[in-house]
């Protein structure tokens, strides 16, 4: 995969920066789901 595979020429950032941003985004949502589970009275993934 190359930088050009992930966006047009006017998109700034390297492949590594885009992958890091994607990982942060997914981790953020995982944390939101964990919080919602705790609010619902269910056990979290980490006990």
N, C-alpha and C. Protein backbone atom coordinates (compact mmCIF):
# COMPACT_ATOMS: atom_id res chain seq x y z
N UNK A 1 0.86 -1.17 0.00
CA UNK A 1 0.00 0.00 0.00
C UNK A 1 0.89 1.22 0.00
N UNK A 2 0.47 2.21 -0.73
CA UNK A 2 1.23 3.46 -0.80
C UNK A 2 0.34 4.61 -0.37
N UNK A 3 0.98 5.76 -0.08
CA UNK A 3 0.23 6.94 0.33
C UNK A 3 -0.87 7.28 -0.66
N UNK A 4 -0.60 7.11 -1.94
CA UNK A 4 -1.58 7.48 -2.97
C UNK A 4 -2.83 6.60 -2.92
N UNK A 5 -2.75 5.44 -2.30
CA UNK A 5 -3.90 4.55 -2.20
C UNK A 5 -4.95 5.05 -1.20
N UNK A 6 -4.56 5.99 -0.32
CA UNK A 6 -5.45 6.40 0.76
C UNK A 6 -6.05 7.79 0.59
N UNK A 7 -5.85 8.43 -0.51
CA UNK A 7 -6.45 9.74 -0.67
C UNK A 7 -5.93 10.46 -1.89
N UNK A 8 -6.56 11.58 -2.16
CA UNK A 8 -6.16 12.37 -3.31
C UNK A 8 -4.88 13.14 -3.00
N UNK A 9 -4.34 13.78 -4.01
CA UNK A 9 -3.08 14.50 -3.87
C UNK A 9 -3.17 15.67 -2.89
N UNK A 10 -4.37 16.24 -2.71
CA UNK A 10 -4.49 17.38 -1.81
C UNK A 10 -4.66 16.96 -0.35
N UNK A 11 -4.72 15.66 -0.07
CA UNK A 11 -4.82 15.16 1.30
C UNK A 11 -3.44 15.17 1.93
N UNK A 12 -3.31 15.82 3.07
CA UNK A 12 -2.02 15.92 3.74
C UNK A 12 -1.81 14.73 4.66
N UNK A 13 -0.56 14.38 4.88
CA UNK A 13 -0.21 13.35 5.84
C UNK A 13 0.31 12.09 5.18
N UNK A 14 1.18 11.41 5.91
CA UNK A 14 1.78 10.18 5.41
C UNK A 14 0.88 8.99 5.72
N UNK A 15 1.23 7.87 5.15
CA UNK A 15 0.50 6.63 5.42
C UNK A 15 0.55 6.30 6.91
N UNK A 16 1.72 6.46 7.52
CA UNK A 16 1.86 6.18 8.95
C UNK A 16 0.95 7.09 9.79
N UNK A 17 0.85 8.35 9.43
CA UNK A 17 0.00 9.29 10.17
C UNK A 17 -1.47 8.91 10.02
N UNK A 18 -1.87 8.49 8.83
CA UNK A 18 -3.26 8.09 8.62
C UNK A 18 -3.60 6.83 9.40
N UNK A 19 -2.67 5.86 9.42
CA UNK A 19 -2.90 4.63 10.17
C UNK A 19 -2.95 4.90 11.68
N UNK A 20 -2.11 5.80 12.16
CA UNK A 20 -2.13 6.16 13.58
C UNK A 20 -3.45 6.84 13.93
N UNK A 21 -3.94 7.72 13.06
CA UNK A 21 -5.21 8.38 13.29
C UNK A 21 -6.37 7.39 13.31
N UNK A 22 -6.34 6.42 12.40
CA UNK A 22 -7.37 5.39 12.36
C UNK A 22 -7.36 4.56 13.63
N UNK A 23 -6.17 4.20 14.11
CA UNK A 23 -6.05 3.40 15.33
C UNK A 23 -6.59 4.18 16.52
N UNK A 24 -6.26 5.46 16.62
CA UNK A 24 -6.76 6.29 17.71
C UNK A 24 -8.28 6.37 17.66
N UNK A 25 -8.83 6.55 16.47
CA UNK A 25 -10.28 6.65 16.28
C UNK A 25 -10.97 5.38 16.76
N UNK A 26 -10.45 4.23 16.38
CA UNK A 26 -11.05 2.95 16.78
C UNK A 26 -10.94 2.74 18.29
N UNK A 27 -9.80 3.10 18.88
CA UNK A 27 -9.62 2.94 20.33
C UNK A 27 -10.57 3.86 21.09
N UNK A 28 -10.79 5.05 20.57
CA UNK A 28 -11.72 5.99 21.20
C UNK A 28 -13.12 5.38 21.26
N UNK A 29 -13.57 4.80 20.15
CA UNK A 29 -14.90 4.19 20.14
C UNK A 29 -14.97 2.95 21.02
N UNK A 30 -13.90 2.20 21.10
CA UNK A 30 -13.88 1.04 22.01
C UNK A 30 -14.06 1.51 23.45
N UNK A 31 -13.43 2.61 23.80
CA UNK A 31 -13.61 3.17 25.15
C UNK A 31 -15.03 3.64 25.38
N UNK A 32 -15.65 4.23 24.37
CA UNK A 32 -17.04 4.66 24.50
C UNK A 32 -17.96 3.46 24.74
N UNK A 33 -17.72 2.38 24.01
CA UNK A 33 -18.55 1.18 24.20
C UNK A 33 -18.35 0.59 25.59
N UNK A 34 -17.11 0.60 26.08
CA UNK A 34 -16.85 0.11 27.43
C UNK A 34 -17.58 0.94 28.47
N UNK A 35 -17.58 2.24 28.30
CA UNK A 35 -18.30 3.12 29.23
C UNK A 35 -19.79 2.84 29.20
N UNK A 36 -20.35 2.68 28.01
CA UNK A 36 -21.78 2.38 27.90
C UNK A 36 -22.12 1.04 28.53
N UNK A 37 -21.24 0.06 28.41
CA UNK A 37 -21.47 -1.24 29.06
C UNK A 37 -21.52 -1.07 30.59
N UNK A 38 -20.60 -0.28 31.12
CA UNK A 38 -20.59 -0.06 32.57
C UNK A 38 -21.85 0.66 33.03
N UNK A 39 -22.29 1.65 32.27
CA UNK A 39 -23.51 2.38 32.60
C UNK A 39 -24.71 1.44 32.57
N UNK A 40 -24.70 0.48 31.64
CA UNK A 40 -25.80 -0.49 31.51
C UNK A 40 -25.73 -1.58 32.58
N UNK A 41 -24.68 -1.56 33.42
CA UNK A 41 -24.58 -2.53 34.50
C UNK A 41 -23.89 -3.83 34.10
N UNK A 42 -23.27 -3.87 32.95
CA UNK A 42 -22.56 -5.06 32.51
C UNK A 42 -21.08 -4.95 32.89
N UNK A 43 -20.40 -6.07 32.88
CA UNK A 43 -18.98 -6.08 33.18
C UNK A 43 -18.22 -5.49 32.00
N UNK A 44 -17.15 -4.81 32.32
CA UNK A 44 -16.28 -4.30 31.27
C UNK A 44 -15.36 -5.39 30.78
N UNK A 45 -14.62 -5.12 29.71
CA UNK A 45 -13.69 -6.10 29.18
C UNK A 45 -12.53 -6.33 30.14
N UNK A 46 -12.17 -5.31 30.91
CA UNK A 46 -11.09 -5.41 31.89
C UNK A 46 -11.73 -5.41 33.28
N UNK A 47 -11.54 -6.48 34.00
CA UNK A 47 -12.14 -6.57 35.33
C UNK A 47 -11.22 -6.19 36.43
